[in-house]
Protein backbone atom coordinates (compact mmCIF):
# COMPACT_ATOMS: atom_id res chain seq x y z
CA MET A 1 44.62 9.35 -14.25
CA SER A 2 41.08 9.18 -11.77
CA LYS A 3 40.17 5.46 -10.91
CA ALA A 4 36.72 5.10 -12.37
CA ARG A 5 33.94 5.12 -10.31
CA LYS A 6 31.50 2.61 -9.40
CA VAL A 7 28.02 2.80 -11.33
CA GLU A 8 25.04 0.41 -9.86
CA THR A 9 21.61 0.99 -9.54
CA THR A 10 20.31 0.64 -5.47
CA SER A 11 19.97 -3.11 -5.94
CA LYS A 12 23.75 -3.35 -6.37
CA ILE A 13 23.47 -4.29 -10.47
CA PRO A 14 26.60 -2.95 -12.30
CA LEU A 15 25.69 -0.35 -15.25
CA LYS A 16 27.41 -0.34 -18.00
CA SER A 17 27.93 3.50 -19.70
CA TYR A 18 25.93 1.92 -22.73
CA TYR A 19 24.02 -0.59 -23.66
CA LEU A 20 24.08 -2.47 -27.17
CA PRO A 21 21.99 -5.11 -28.66
CA GLU A 22 23.95 -8.01 -27.50
CA ASP A 23 23.27 -6.79 -24.00
CA LEU A 24 19.42 -8.70 -25.61
CA ARG A 25 20.91 -11.59 -27.26
CA ASP A 26 18.58 -13.72 -25.53
CA PHE A 27 15.62 -11.56 -25.63
CA ASP A 28 12.04 -12.90 -27.11
CA TYR A 29 9.80 -10.31 -28.00
CA SER A 30 6.59 -12.59 -27.47
CA ARG A 31 8.26 -14.47 -24.35
CA ASP A 32 9.51 -11.56 -22.53
CA LEU A 33 7.39 -8.70 -23.91
CA GLY A 34 4.39 -9.14 -25.97
CA ASN A 35 1.63 -6.54 -27.05
CA PRO A 36 0.66 -4.19 -23.90
CA GLY A 37 -2.80 -6.37 -22.52
CA GLU A 38 -1.32 -9.74 -23.43
CA PHE A 39 1.02 -12.01 -21.27
CA PRO A 40 3.35 -11.52 -19.71
CA PHE A 41 2.34 -8.01 -19.32
CA THR A 42 5.39 -6.71 -19.35
CA ARG A 43 3.92 -3.63 -21.28
CA GLY A 44 1.02 -3.26 -19.28
CA VAL A 45 -1.87 -4.84 -18.55
CA GLN A 46 -4.68 -3.16 -20.94
CA SER A 47 -3.94 -2.97 -24.86
CA ASP A 48 -4.07 1.03 -24.45
CA MET A 49 -3.17 1.85 -21.04
CA TYR A 50 -3.90 5.93 -20.45
CA ARG A 51 -5.24 6.04 -24.13
CA GLY A 52 -8.39 4.53 -23.34
CA ARG A 53 -8.43 5.97 -19.13
CA LEU A 54 -6.04 7.45 -16.99
CA TRP A 55 -4.54 6.10 -13.80
CA THR A 56 -6.35 7.23 -10.75
CA MET A 57 -5.21 9.95 -8.86
CA ARG A 58 -5.45 8.86 -5.27
CA GLN A 59 -4.01 11.40 -3.24
CA TYR A 60 -3.43 9.50 0.71
CA ALA A 61 -4.95 11.65 3.47
CA GLY A 62 -6.21 11.62 6.77
CA TYR A 63 -5.93 13.61 10.27
CA GLY A 64 -7.36 14.30 13.01
CA THR A 65 -11.19 14.15 13.48
CA ALA A 66 -13.23 12.26 10.69
CA SER A 67 -15.07 16.03 10.19
CA GLU A 68 -11.56 17.46 9.47
CA SER A 69 -10.46 14.58 7.10
CA ASN A 70 -14.04 14.77 5.20
CA ALA A 71 -13.44 18.63 4.70
CA ARG A 72 -9.95 17.51 3.06
CA PHE A 73 -11.02 14.82 1.09
CA LYS A 74 -14.17 17.15 -0.38
CA TYR A 75 -11.24 19.44 -1.28
CA LEU A 76 -9.09 17.25 -2.95
CA LEU A 77 -11.91 16.23 -4.83
CA GLY A 78 -12.66 19.59 -5.90
CA LEU A 79 -9.39 19.93 -6.95
CA GLY A 80 -9.76 16.70 -9.78
CA GLN A 81 -8.72 14.06 -7.44
CA MET A 82 -10.36 10.58 -8.76
CA GLY A 83 -10.87 8.54 -5.46
CA LEU A 84 -10.18 8.54 -1.73
CA SER A 85 -6.97 7.33 0.02
CA VAL A 86 -7.90 7.02 3.92
CA ALA A 87 -4.83 7.10 6.45
CA PHE A 88 -5.92 6.14 9.74
CA ASP A 89 -4.54 7.29 13.47
CA LEU A 90 -2.10 4.41 15.12
CA PRO A 91 -4.86 3.27 17.90
CA THR A 92 -6.95 2.83 14.81
CA GLN A 93 -4.43 0.50 13.19
CA LEU A 94 -3.66 -1.29 16.51
CA GLY A 95 -7.37 -1.75 17.52
CA LEU A 96 -7.36 0.60 20.24
CA ASP A 97 -9.86 3.17 21.32
CA SER A 98 -8.95 6.78 21.46
CA ASP A 99 -9.76 6.57 25.31
CA ALA A 100 -7.45 3.32 25.58
CA PRO A 101 -4.37 4.58 28.35
CA LEU A 102 -2.16 3.19 25.21
CA ALA A 103 -3.69 5.40 22.51
CA ALA A 104 -2.80 8.92 24.92
CA GLY A 105 -0.55 11.32 22.68
CA GLU A 106 -1.34 9.63 18.84
CA VAL A 107 -5.38 10.26 18.50
CA GLY A 108 -5.22 11.66 15.23
CA ARG A 109 -1.33 12.19 14.61
CA VAL A 110 -1.00 10.21 11.88
CA GLY A 111 -4.39 9.53 10.48
CA VAL A 112 -8.15 10.06 11.16
CA ALA A 113 -9.12 8.72 14.31
CA ILE A 114 -11.90 6.32 13.53
CA ASP A 115 -13.59 4.62 16.93
CA THR A 116 -17.32 3.39 16.02
CA LEU A 117 -19.20 3.62 12.78
CA HIS A 118 -20.46 7.19 14.12
CA ASP A 119 -17.10 8.03 12.88
CA MET A 120 -16.78 6.59 9.68
CA GLU A 121 -20.73 8.03 8.62
CA ILE A 122 -18.81 11.48 8.98
CA LEU A 123 -15.92 10.59 7.66
CA LEU A 124 -17.62 9.30 4.26
CA ALA A 125 -20.64 12.33 4.54
CA GLY A 126 -21.55 13.87 0.92
CA ILE A 127 -19.27 11.30 -0.73
CA PRO A 128 -21.16 9.08 -3.22
CA LEU A 129 -19.63 5.92 -2.48
CA ASN A 130 -21.12 4.54 -5.77
CA LEU A 131 -19.15 7.18 -7.77
CA VAL A 132 -15.91 7.16 -6.20
CA THR A 133 -13.71 4.84 -4.69
CA VAL A 134 -11.87 4.26 -1.75
CA SER A 135 -8.71 2.87 -0.52
CA MET A 136 -8.38 2.41 3.13
CA THR A 137 -4.65 1.92 4.73
CA ILE A 138 -5.27 -0.51 7.10
CA ASN A 139 -4.61 -4.01 7.96
CA ALA A 140 -4.81 -5.42 11.38
CA THR A 141 -8.05 -3.79 12.08
CA ALA A 142 -8.57 -4.48 8.10
CA ALA A 143 -12.10 -6.55 8.35
CA ILE A 144 -13.67 -3.81 10.93
CA LEU A 145 -13.00 -0.77 8.76
CA LEU A 146 -14.51 -2.51 5.85
CA ALA A 147 -17.40 -3.96 7.95
CA MET A 148 -17.60 0.12 8.44
CA ALA A 149 -17.57 1.19 4.55
CA VAL A 150 -20.04 -1.38 3.97
CA ALA A 151 -22.48 -0.19 6.95
CA VAL A 152 -22.45 3.37 5.58
CA ALA A 153 -22.84 2.15 1.90
CA LYS A 154 -26.32 0.31 3.38
CA LYS A 155 -27.28 3.40 5.08
CA GLN A 156 -26.59 5.49 1.43
CA THR A 157 -28.23 2.60 0.20
CA VAL A 158 -25.67 1.90 -2.50
CA PRO A 159 -25.70 -1.83 -3.54
CA LEU A 160 -23.09 -3.73 -2.38
CA GLU A 161 -22.24 -4.83 -6.04
CA LYS A 162 -21.36 -1.29 -6.81
CA LEU A 163 -19.03 -0.46 -3.86
CA SER A 164 -15.46 -0.29 -5.42
CA GLY A 165 -12.33 0.43 -3.29
CA THR A 166 -9.38 -1.55 -1.97
CA VAL A 167 -8.54 -2.43 1.81
CA GLN A 168 -4.57 -3.01 2.07
CA ASN A 169 -5.37 -6.33 4.86
CA ASP A 170 -1.72 -7.09 3.90
CA ILE A 171 -0.38 -8.27 7.71
CA LEU A 172 2.53 -9.95 6.48
CA LYS A 173 4.31 -6.78 6.10
CA GLU A 174 3.45 -5.47 9.20
CA TYR A 175 5.94 -8.21 10.97
CA ILE A 176 8.25 -7.42 8.30
CA ALA A 177 8.77 -4.17 8.35
CA ARG A 178 6.05 -1.90 10.10
CA GLY A 179 4.61 -3.19 13.01
CA THR A 180 0.89 -2.46 13.47
CA TYR A 181 0.08 -6.11 14.14
CA ILE A 182 -2.45 -7.37 16.95
CA PHE A 183 -2.56 -11.17 16.39
CA PRO A 184 -0.45 -14.00 16.02
CA ALA A 185 0.17 -14.77 12.26
CA GLN A 186 -2.25 -17.49 11.50
CA SER A 187 -5.11 -15.84 13.13
CA SER A 188 -3.96 -12.51 11.48
CA MET A 189 -3.93 -14.89 7.82
CA ARG A 190 -7.51 -16.01 8.79
CA LEU A 191 -8.92 -12.44 9.02
CA VAL A 192 -7.28 -11.79 5.55
CA THR A 193 -8.59 -14.43 4.15
CA ASP A 194 -12.06 -14.11 5.63
CA LEU A 195 -11.93 -10.80 3.92
CA ILE A 196 -11.05 -11.99 0.71
CA SER A 197 -13.40 -14.76 0.67
CA PHE A 198 -16.24 -12.21 1.94
CA CYS A 199 -15.58 -9.92 -0.87
CA SER A 200 -15.38 -12.59 -3.45
CA GLY A 201 -18.88 -13.13 -2.34
CA GLN A 202 -20.48 -10.21 -1.75
CA LEU A 203 -18.00 -6.97 -2.89
CA PRO A 204 -17.14 -8.11 -6.48
CA GLN A 205 -15.62 -4.71 -7.59
CA TRP A 206 -13.83 -4.42 -4.24
CA ASN A 207 -9.85 -5.46 -3.64
CA PRO A 208 -9.93 -7.40 -0.96
CA ILE A 209 -6.29 -7.33 -0.38
CA SER A 210 -3.11 -4.78 -1.84
CA ILE A 211 -0.08 -6.33 -0.92
CA SER A 212 2.23 -3.99 -0.14
CA GLY A 213 6.19 -3.39 -0.99
CA TYR A 214 5.65 0.03 -0.32
CA HIS A 215 6.53 -0.41 3.87
CA ILE A 216 9.57 -2.26 2.84
CA ARG A 217 11.17 -0.10 0.83
CA GLU A 218 10.41 2.69 3.13
CA ALA A 219 12.26 0.23 5.63
CA GLY A 220 15.57 0.15 3.85
CA SER A 221 14.91 -2.71 1.56
CA SER A 222 16.54 -2.61 -2.37
CA ALA A 223 14.12 -2.39 -5.63
CA VAL A 224 15.13 -5.85 -6.02
CA GLN A 225 13.95 -7.21 -2.40
CA GLU A 226 10.67 -4.96 -2.66
CA VAL A 227 9.58 -7.11 -5.78
CA ALA A 228 10.64 -10.73 -4.53
CA PHE A 229 9.24 -9.96 -0.69
CA THR A 230 5.97 -8.63 -2.04
CA LEU A 231 5.60 -11.60 -4.45
CA GLY A 232 6.52 -13.77 -1.61
CA ASN A 233 3.65 -12.43 0.34
CA ALA A 234 1.85 -12.86 -2.30
CA ILE A 235 1.95 -16.14 -2.76
CA ALA A 236 1.67 -16.86 0.71
CA TYR A 237 -2.10 -14.80 0.80
CA VAL A 238 -2.90 -16.92 -2.35
CA GLN A 239 -2.38 -20.44 -1.27
CA ALA A 240 -3.66 -19.33 2.50
CA ALA A 241 -6.86 -18.55 0.04
CA LEU A 242 -6.69 -21.68 -1.69
CA ASP A 243 -6.31 -23.68 1.49
CA ALA A 244 -9.74 -22.10 2.60
CA GLY A 245 -11.43 -23.73 0.18
CA LEU A 246 -11.01 -20.86 -2.70
CA ALA A 247 -11.01 -21.52 -6.16
CA ILE A 248 -7.93 -19.33 -7.70
CA ASP A 249 -10.11 -17.18 -10.46
CA ASP A 250 -12.58 -16.55 -7.91
CA PHE A 251 -10.43 -14.11 -6.17
CA ALA A 252 -7.02 -13.75 -7.96
CA PRO A 253 -8.44 -11.22 -10.59
CA ARG A 254 -9.41 -8.56 -7.41
CA LEU A 255 -6.08 -9.06 -5.83
CA SER A 256 -4.15 -5.75 -6.13
CA PHE A 257 -0.51 -4.41 -5.19
CA PHE A 258 1.25 -1.56 -3.85
CA PHE A 259 4.80 -0.50 -4.48
CA ASN A 260 6.62 2.34 -3.83
CA VAL A 261 8.72 4.98 -6.19
CA HIS A 262 12.38 6.02 -5.61
CA ASN A 263 14.84 7.96 -7.21
CA TYR A 264 16.56 5.89 -9.35
CA TRP A 265 14.75 6.73 -12.02
CA LEU A 266 15.50 3.66 -14.81
CA GLU A 267 15.29 1.05 -11.92
CA GLU A 268 11.87 2.45 -11.20
CA VAL A 269 10.47 2.05 -14.39
CA ALA A 270 11.92 -1.60 -14.88
CA LYS A 271 11.23 -2.82 -11.28
CA PHE A 272 7.01 -2.48 -12.17
CA ARG A 273 7.80 -4.73 -15.97
CA ALA A 274 9.67 -7.30 -14.35
CA ALA A 275 7.17 -7.89 -11.56
CA ARG A 276 4.06 -7.81 -13.70
CA ARG A 277 6.12 -10.48 -15.69
CA LEU A 278 7.15 -12.26 -12.87
CA TRP A 279 3.55 -12.25 -11.13
CA ALA A 280 1.99 -13.15 -14.53
CA LYS A 281 4.42 -16.19 -14.45
CA ILE A 282 3.76 -17.21 -10.99
CA MET A 283 0.05 -17.40 -10.95
CA LYS A 284 -0.32 -19.05 -14.77
CA ASP A 285 2.62 -21.86 -14.38
CA ARG A 286 2.50 -22.08 -9.87
CA PHE A 287 -1.41 -21.33 -9.56
CA ARG A 288 -2.64 -22.86 -12.91
CA ALA A 289 -4.81 -19.91 -12.99
CA ARG A 290 -6.84 -20.00 -16.16
CA ASN A 291 -8.53 -16.25 -16.45
CA PRO A 292 -6.20 -13.75 -17.94
CA LYS A 293 -7.42 -11.17 -15.31
CA SER A 294 -5.84 -13.64 -12.56
CA TRP A 295 -2.73 -13.34 -14.13
CA MET A 296 -2.55 -9.65 -14.41
CA LEU A 297 -0.49 -7.69 -11.54
CA ARG A 298 -2.58 -4.21 -10.84
CA PHE A 299 -0.91 -1.96 -8.81
CA HIS A 300 -0.96 1.19 -6.98
CA ALA A 301 1.89 3.70 -6.24
CA GLN A 302 3.05 6.02 -3.85
CA THR A 303 6.28 8.21 -4.08
CA ALA A 304 8.77 7.73 -1.78
CA GLY A 305 8.36 9.29 1.78
CA SER A 306 11.93 8.36 2.78
CA THR A 307 14.24 10.05 0.53
CA LEU A 308 11.92 13.24 1.02
CA THR A 309 13.89 15.33 2.72
CA ALA A 310 13.63 18.51 5.89
CA GLN A 311 16.52 20.25 4.53
CA GLN A 312 15.87 22.78 1.26
CA PRO A 313 12.13 21.04 1.47
CA GLU A 314 11.56 22.61 -1.74
CA LEU A 315 13.73 20.10 -3.72
CA ASN A 316 11.31 17.30 -2.38
CA ALA A 317 8.98 18.88 -5.40
CA VAL A 318 11.67 17.63 -7.86
CA ARG A 319 12.03 14.50 -6.59
CA VAL A 320 8.28 13.49 -6.63
CA THR A 321 8.01 14.87 -9.92
CA LEU A 322 10.74 12.09 -11.21
CA GLN A 323 8.82 9.12 -8.76
CA ALA A 324 6.03 10.04 -10.45
CA LEU A 325 7.30 10.27 -13.86
CA ALA A 326 8.38 6.50 -13.45
CA ALA A 327 5.69 5.41 -11.95
CA VAL A 328 3.95 6.43 -14.77
CA LEU A 329 6.03 5.34 -17.48
CA GLY A 330 6.06 1.69 -15.75
CA GLY A 331 2.50 1.49 -16.13
CA THR A 332 0.48 2.10 -12.89
CA GLN A 333 -3.11 1.86 -12.33
CA SER A 334 -3.28 4.66 -9.85
CA LEU A 335 -0.64 6.95 -7.77
CA HIS A 336 -0.20 9.10 -4.68
CA THR A 337 2.22 11.42 -5.04
CA ASN A 338 3.79 13.31 -1.62
CA SER A 339 3.55 16.57 -0.68
CA ARG A 340 6.90 18.75 -0.08
CA ASP A 341 6.19 19.46 3.28
CA GLU A 342 5.84 15.90 4.72
CA ALA A 343 9.40 15.61 6.15
CA LEU A 344 8.16 18.13 8.78
CA SER A 345 5.04 17.75 9.21
CA LEU A 346 1.60 16.46 7.87
CA PRO A 347 0.91 18.12 4.55
CA THR A 348 -0.56 21.43 3.81
CA GLU A 349 -3.56 22.38 1.67
CA GLU A 350 -0.86 24.47 -0.73
CA ALA A 351 1.14 21.57 -0.56
CA VAL A 352 -1.18 19.19 -1.76
CA ARG A 353 -2.42 20.82 -4.29
CA LEU A 354 0.76 20.91 -5.83
CA ALA A 355 1.32 17.63 -5.47
CA LEU A 356 -1.41 16.55 -7.40
CA ARG A 357 -0.88 19.17 -10.42
CA THR A 358 2.36 17.77 -10.59
CA GLN A 359 -0.02 14.31 -11.78
CA GLN A 360 -2.31 16.38 -14.06
CA VAL A 361 0.71 18.10 -15.41
CA ILE A 362 2.05 14.36 -16.22
CA ALA A 363 -1.15 13.50 -17.40
CA TYR A 364 -2.69 16.00 -19.75
CA GLU A 365 0.89 17.96 -20.65
CA SER A 366 4.28 15.81 -20.92
CA GLY A 367 2.87 13.72 -23.81
CA VAL A 368 4.11 10.27 -22.20
CA ALA A 369 0.19 9.19 -21.46
CA ASP A 370 -0.20 8.96 -24.99
CA ILE A 371 2.45 6.08 -26.21
CA VAL A 372 1.68 2.31 -24.20
CA ASP A 373 5.17 1.72 -22.35
CA PRO A 374 7.21 3.60 -24.88
CA LEU A 375 10.52 2.76 -23.34
CA ALA A 376 9.51 -0.71 -25.09
CA GLY A 377 12.39 -2.23 -26.80
CA ALA A 378 15.12 0.22 -24.87
CA TYR A 379 18.64 -2.15 -24.68
CA ALA A 380 19.25 -0.45 -21.42
CA VAL A 381 15.13 -0.47 -19.94
CA GLU A 382 15.33 -4.18 -21.16
CA SER A 383 18.35 -5.34 -19.37
CA LEU A 384 17.34 -3.70 -16.40
CA THR A 385 14.29 -5.53 -16.56
CA HIS A 386 15.37 -8.85 -16.95
CA GLN A 387 17.82 -8.08 -14.22
CA ILE A 388 15.40 -7.50 -11.60
CA GLU A 389 13.15 -10.18 -12.41
CA HIS A 390 15.95 -13.01 -12.42
CA ARG A 391 17.30 -11.38 -8.95
CA SER A 392 13.80 -11.16 -7.43
CA GLN A 393 13.43 -15.23 -8.77
CA GLU A 394 16.51 -16.04 -6.73
CA TYR A 395 15.21 -14.42 -3.48
CA LEU A 396 12.21 -16.15 -3.71
CA ASP A 397 13.68 -19.85 -4.55
CA LYS A 398 15.38 -19.10 -1.04
CA ILE A 399 12.32 -18.15 0.28
CA GLU A 400 10.47 -21.28 -1.30
CA SER A 401 13.86 -23.73 0.35
CA MET A 402 13.04 -21.99 3.74
CA GLY A 403 9.53 -23.37 3.60
CA GLY A 404 7.50 -20.11 2.21
CA MET A 405 7.12 -16.94 3.58
CA LEU A 406 5.60 -17.22 7.16
CA SER A 407 8.72 -19.44 7.49
CA ALA A 408 11.37 -16.68 6.08
CA VAL A 409 9.48 -14.02 8.27
CA GLY A 410 9.43 -16.01 11.60
CA CYS A 411 13.01 -17.05 11.47
CA GLY A 412 13.72 -13.06 10.52
CA TYR A 413 15.23 -14.28 7.01
CA VAL A 414 13.28 -11.12 5.16
CA GLN A 415 13.29 -8.77 7.82
CA LYS A 416 17.55 -8.84 8.18
CA GLU A 417 17.65 -9.03 4.52
CA ILE A 418 16.04 -5.59 4.43
CA GLN A 419 18.31 -4.30 7.73
CA GLN A 420 21.54 -5.47 6.05
CA SER A 421 20.15 -3.09 2.75
CA ALA A 422 19.54 -0.35 4.71
CA TYR A 423 22.35 -0.07 6.40
CA GLU A 424 24.38 -0.41 3.21
CA TYR A 425 22.35 2.31 1.65
CA GLN A 426 23.09 4.65 5.07
CA LYS A 427 26.73 4.25 4.92
CA SER A 428 26.81 5.22 0.68
CA ILE A 429 25.01 8.11 2.24
CA GLU A 430 27.92 8.67 4.64
CA SER A 431 30.14 8.35 2.38
CA HIS A 432 29.16 10.87 -0.20
CA GLU A 433 29.45 7.77 -2.24
CA ARG A 434 25.83 8.50 -3.04
CA VAL A 435 24.68 11.94 -3.71
CA ILE A 436 21.42 13.25 -1.76
CA VAL A 437 21.21 16.83 -3.16
CA GLY A 438 21.02 19.15 0.02
CA VAL A 439 21.62 16.68 3.31
CA ASN A 440 25.34 15.51 1.76
CA GLU A 441 26.19 17.77 -0.78
CA PHE A 442 25.15 21.29 -2.29
CA VAL A 443 24.18 22.03 1.39
CA SER A 444 22.79 25.05 1.91
CA GLU A 445 23.60 27.10 5.91
CA LYS A 446 20.32 29.36 5.00
CA ALA A 447 17.39 27.66 6.35
CA VAL A 448 14.33 27.50 4.77
CA SER A 449 10.57 27.91 5.98
CA ILE A 450 7.72 26.92 4.38
CA PRO A 451 4.17 26.59 6.24
CA VAL A 452 3.51 23.47 8.09
CA HIS A 453 0.49 22.07 9.48
CA ARG A 454 -0.75 22.61 12.97
CA MET A 455 -2.58 20.01 14.78
CA ASP A 456 -5.18 21.03 17.00
CA PRO A 457 -4.74 20.30 20.58
CA LEU A 458 -7.98 19.91 21.49
CA ILE A 459 -8.53 16.81 19.01
CA GLU A 460 -7.64 14.35 21.33
CA LYS A 461 -10.01 15.54 24.29
CA ASN A 462 -12.76 16.04 21.23
CA GLN A 463 -12.71 12.51 20.04
CA ILE A 464 -12.81 10.83 23.05
CA THR A 465 -15.93 13.10 24.12
CA SER A 466 -17.21 12.34 21.00
CA LEU A 467 -16.52 8.11 21.93
CA LYS A 468 -18.47 8.61 25.52
CA THR A 469 -21.47 9.98 23.50
CA VAL A 470 -21.40 7.47 21.20
CA LYS A 471 -21.44 4.39 23.49
CA SER A 472 -23.83 6.13 26.11
CA GLU A 473 -26.47 6.79 23.24
CA ARG A 474 -26.86 2.81 22.08
CA ASP A 475 -27.72 -0.04 22.60
CA ALA A 476 -26.04 -1.39 25.05
CA LEU A 477 -27.39 -5.21 25.04
CA LEU A 478 -27.09 -5.30 21.15
CA VAL A 479 -23.54 -4.06 21.32
CA ARG A 480 -22.92 -7.01 23.91
CA GLN A 481 -25.20 -9.29 21.98
CA SER A 482 -22.84 -8.48 18.84
CA LEU A 483 -19.38 -8.70 20.66
CA ASP A 484 -20.61 -12.67 22.26
CA GLN A 485 -21.07 -13.82 18.61
CA ILE A 486 -17.47 -12.50 17.28
CA GLU A 487 -15.97 -14.30 20.20
CA GLN A 488 -17.90 -17.08 19.28
CA VAL A 489 -17.67 -17.18 15.51
CA ALA A 490 -13.66 -16.27 15.87
CA ALA A 491 -13.31 -19.55 18.14
CA SER A 492 -14.81 -21.86 15.05
CA LYS A 493 -14.26 -22.07 11.54
CA GLN A 494 -16.92 -19.35 10.63
CA ASN A 495 -16.29 -16.49 8.42
CA LEU A 496 -15.97 -13.41 11.04
CA LEU A 497 -17.09 -10.51 8.17
CA PRO A 498 -21.03 -10.88 9.09
CA ALA A 499 -20.26 -11.15 12.65
CA ILE A 500 -18.63 -8.05 12.71
CA ILE A 501 -20.93 -6.15 10.45
CA LYS A 502 -23.40 -6.56 12.91
CA ALA A 503 -21.31 -5.38 16.16
CA VAL A 504 -20.28 -2.37 13.68
CA GLU A 505 -23.85 -1.44 13.01
CA ALA A 506 -25.25 -1.74 16.50
CA TYR A 507 -22.11 1.02 17.09
CA ALA A 508 -19.58 -1.58 18.65
CA SER A 509 -16.32 0.10 18.63
CA ILE A 510 -12.99 -0.68 17.14
CA GLY A 511 -11.22 -1.33 20.49
CA GLU A 512 -14.22 -3.88 22.03
CA ILE A 513 -14.55 -5.77 18.66
CA SER A 514 -10.61 -6.51 18.79
CA ASP A 515 -10.28 -7.11 22.61
CA ARG A 516 -12.90 -9.87 21.96
CA LEU A 517 -10.50 -11.32 19.10
CA ARG A 518 -7.72 -10.83 21.40
CA LYS A 519 -9.37 -13.13 23.81
CA VAL A 520 -9.80 -16.32 21.32
CA PHE A 521 -6.87 -14.92 19.33
CA GLY A 522 -4.25 -13.56 21.61
CA GLU A 523 -1.49 -11.31 20.40
CA TYR A 524 1.45 -11.49 18.66
CA GLN A 525 5.07 -11.05 20.59
CA GLU A 526 7.82 -10.44 18.74
CA ASP A 527 11.13 -12.60 19.36
CA PRO A 528 14.00 -10.43 19.86
CA THR A 529 16.28 -13.27 19.03
CA ALA A 530 14.88 -14.31 15.41
């Protein structure tokens, strides 16, 4: 007699072969579910969800020069994409100009190179910022890139109260999982709260932060850890904003989140529902927010880059479809679907088109958008939702006992938990306990050839030439004065955004502005013993 195999989710939640009413014996509809659009928002943040408005189809894009990325954006908008999502190259993320020695070989590689307002003007040329929302995946230099977007909006004569979009501005997960930090944590948090405060007063339709579990999951966390550590970071940001003197209901309605979507379908659907319920309780009970909009967890989702395989890459289209469906059934507000070739290169136009069309088929042909939270009440889904919430809360309690997220990150606790999860997941693949089709089972000896995107080798040279031209033609005295002002404000307690906006409008570069901030704040050095 063969031994029954152990069945559990990626978060090691054991799964029964089937579920019964007794698995929900303590279930209370009003307390645990409620109607869609009502506390605790388990069933979604809108009463009619996608019947009233489909999720925003927002494909992540950006590479090479601003002109190349602008062309890709217009291509995607022409295919029916509803908003922009901008990827920046590593030098831009790290506050380095394209001609910096440390930027060599990285200019335009993993995103678009933005050195000055001149590049941002080209990037957004011909894109009406009063009609198209813009999401920017940027963190350490988020304030500078937002300042550039504001400057472009002014040039387009778009009223700032009409400017709509999101800036990621989630620096804590950089220390946890990603590494594109510049400044020490406390100074970074000051930049975060300055940006939140500025948007609260000047950009009422802009999301000043997108608290990201995506990169935490890409680093190897489980679904439970993704929820717990994301909400742990969110708690830290809310407390920092309160400590900076902001009122909870003045900024909380514009907080947004960013989650990953992996392959384990039911767990992913339950994860989103659990996160919404948990956040609603945190905001209402812990922070005493009174505005129901402050209780809502609104999120963007992206299919999992870490699940894409170089082997049999055509299968990635299947994986992405399942993940996208989980995000929609989980109630996402916007969605990016990865392209099938992203394990091999930046995506080609053909691959990007298929990824976007995948969302459109789900939206217009599958019927899943016609009923709000159609999986509500399913014994297995509700049981998983409860268990993910409970296990996430256990992590949050542990973090609280350590003094909060900054302390938990500072001592390496969060990083070690993710590393252990990643190690165990990889072991399960290598032992064939977890099957990855085409990788450890159902392997094909025949190599599959698909077209891949080729980078122009002259991109870096051309970008550096453009930067030199801008620096030679701008008003050098105005630039120096604006940079001196940034340094003075950084040493005070004033909000940095107005000074940064003046500097970018003078065509100061991202490296010059970051260097002045480095002079005041210093640079973060990771402790390898933590």
